[in-house]
Amino acid sequence: MRMCVACREMKPKKELVRVVRTPEGEIVADATGRKNGRGAYLCPAEGCLNKAIKTRALERALEQPLSEAAADYLRQVILGGGNEAV
């Protein structure tokens, strides 16, 4: 069980999306759940993603400011299905 950083609900790990700050400082969505780096979990819903960005919950969890490009990337990957890193 993991907690969504936005809605704070506990859900099984497979129902959440892991967002990782890699050792190189990139923000990526981790489909495998095994990438190296600091991770945070989000529900795959637009409301949770927007709340995590607006309240800076994702920034606190990843211990790094979230650029607009990284936020757009996460919107595209979580809501649309892309796979590039920022």
Protein backbone atom coordinates (compact mmCIF):
# COMPACT_ATOMS: atom_id res chain seq x y z
CA MET A 1 0.00 0.00 0.00
CA ARG A 2 1.19 3.50 -0.89
CA MET A 3 -0.22 6.97 -0.29
CA CYS A 4 -1.07 9.45 -3.05
CA VAL A 5 0.74 12.74 -2.31
CA ALA A 6 -2.31 14.73 -3.44
CA CYS A 7 -5.44 13.07 -2.03
CA ARG A 8 -3.56 11.19 0.74
CA GLU A 9 -5.53 7.99 0.09
CA MET A 10 -3.84 4.65 0.67
CA LYS A 11 -4.07 2.43 -2.39
CA PRO A 12 -2.27 -0.65 -3.69
CA LYS A 13 1.03 0.23 -5.35
CA LYS A 14 -0.16 -1.01 -8.76
CA GLU A 15 -3.08 1.48 -8.79
CA LEU A 16 -0.76 4.50 -8.42
CA VAL A 17 1.80 6.13 -10.72
CA ARG A 18 5.31 6.52 -9.34
CA VAL A 19 7.03 9.81 -10.17
CA VAL A 20 10.81 9.79 -9.68
CA ARG A 21 13.52 12.42 -9.38
CA THR A 22 16.53 10.60 -10.80
CA PRO A 23 20.06 11.12 -9.43
CA GLU A 24 20.65 13.32 -12.51
CA GLY A 25 17.75 15.60 -11.47
CA GLU A 26 15.25 14.51 -14.14
CA ILE A 27 11.57 14.09 -13.29
CA VAL A 28 10.16 10.91 -14.85
CA ALA A 29 7.10 8.71 -14.52
CA ASP A 30 8.20 5.23 -13.53
CA ALA A 31 5.96 2.53 -14.97
CA THR A 32 8.13 -0.29 -13.58
CA GLY A 33 8.29 1.06 -10.03
CA ARG A 34 12.00 0.23 -9.92
CA LYS A 35 13.85 3.29 -11.25
CA ASN A 36 16.63 4.63 -9.10
CA GLY A 37 15.90 7.90 -7.33
CA ARG A 38 13.52 9.63 -4.95
CA GLY A 39 9.91 8.66 -5.63
CA ALA A 40 6.39 9.87 -4.95
CA TYR A 41 3.07 8.23 -5.76
CA LEU A 42 0.05 9.80 -7.47
CA CYS A 43 -3.39 8.59 -8.45
CA PRO A 44 -3.64 8.47 -12.27
CA ALA A 45 -6.35 11.15 -12.20
CA GLU A 46 -6.22 14.73 -13.47
CA GLY A 47 -7.60 16.08 -10.18
CA CYS A 48 -4.85 14.50 -8.10
CA LEU A 49 -2.12 15.60 -10.50
CA ASN A 50 -3.37 19.19 -10.55
CA LYS A 51 -3.71 19.26 -6.76
CA ALA A 52 -0.20 17.86 -6.29
CA ILE A 53 1.21 20.58 -8.56
CA LYS A 54 -0.88 23.44 -7.13
CA THR A 55 -0.18 22.62 -3.46
CA ARG A 56 3.49 21.82 -4.21
CA ALA A 57 3.04 18.37 -2.63
CA LEU A 58 5.01 16.82 -5.48
CA GLU A 59 7.85 19.32 -5.03
CA ARG A 60 8.06 18.52 -1.31
CA ALA A 61 7.96 14.77 -1.91
CA LEU A 62 10.66 14.91 -4.61
CA GLU A 63 12.68 17.58 -2.78
CA GLN A 64 13.08 19.56 -6.00
CA PRO A 65 11.17 22.45 -7.61
CA LEU A 66 8.86 21.30 -10.40
CA SER A 67 9.41 23.25 -13.62
CA GLU A 68 6.53 24.04 -15.97
CA ALA A 69 8.07 21.67 -18.53
CA ALA A 70 8.14 18.86 -15.94
CA ALA A 71 4.51 19.56 -14.99
CA ASP A 72 3.48 19.46 -18.67
CA TYR A 73 5.44 16.21 -19.13
CA LEU A 74 3.64 14.62 -16.16
CA ARG A 75 0.26 15.74 -17.49
CA GLN A 76 1.08 14.19 -20.87
CA VAL A 77 2.43 10.92 -19.46
CA ILE A 78 -0.08 10.33 -16.67
CA LEU A 79 -3.14 11.51 -18.56
CA GLY A 80 -2.04 10.89 -22.14
CA GLY A 81 0.54 8.10 -22.24
CA GLY A 82 3.96 9.50 -23.33
CA ASN A 83 7.39 8.33 -22.07
CA GLU A 84 10.10 11.02 -22.39
CA ALA A 85 12.04 12.38 -19.40
CA VAL A 86 12.39 16.02 -18.43
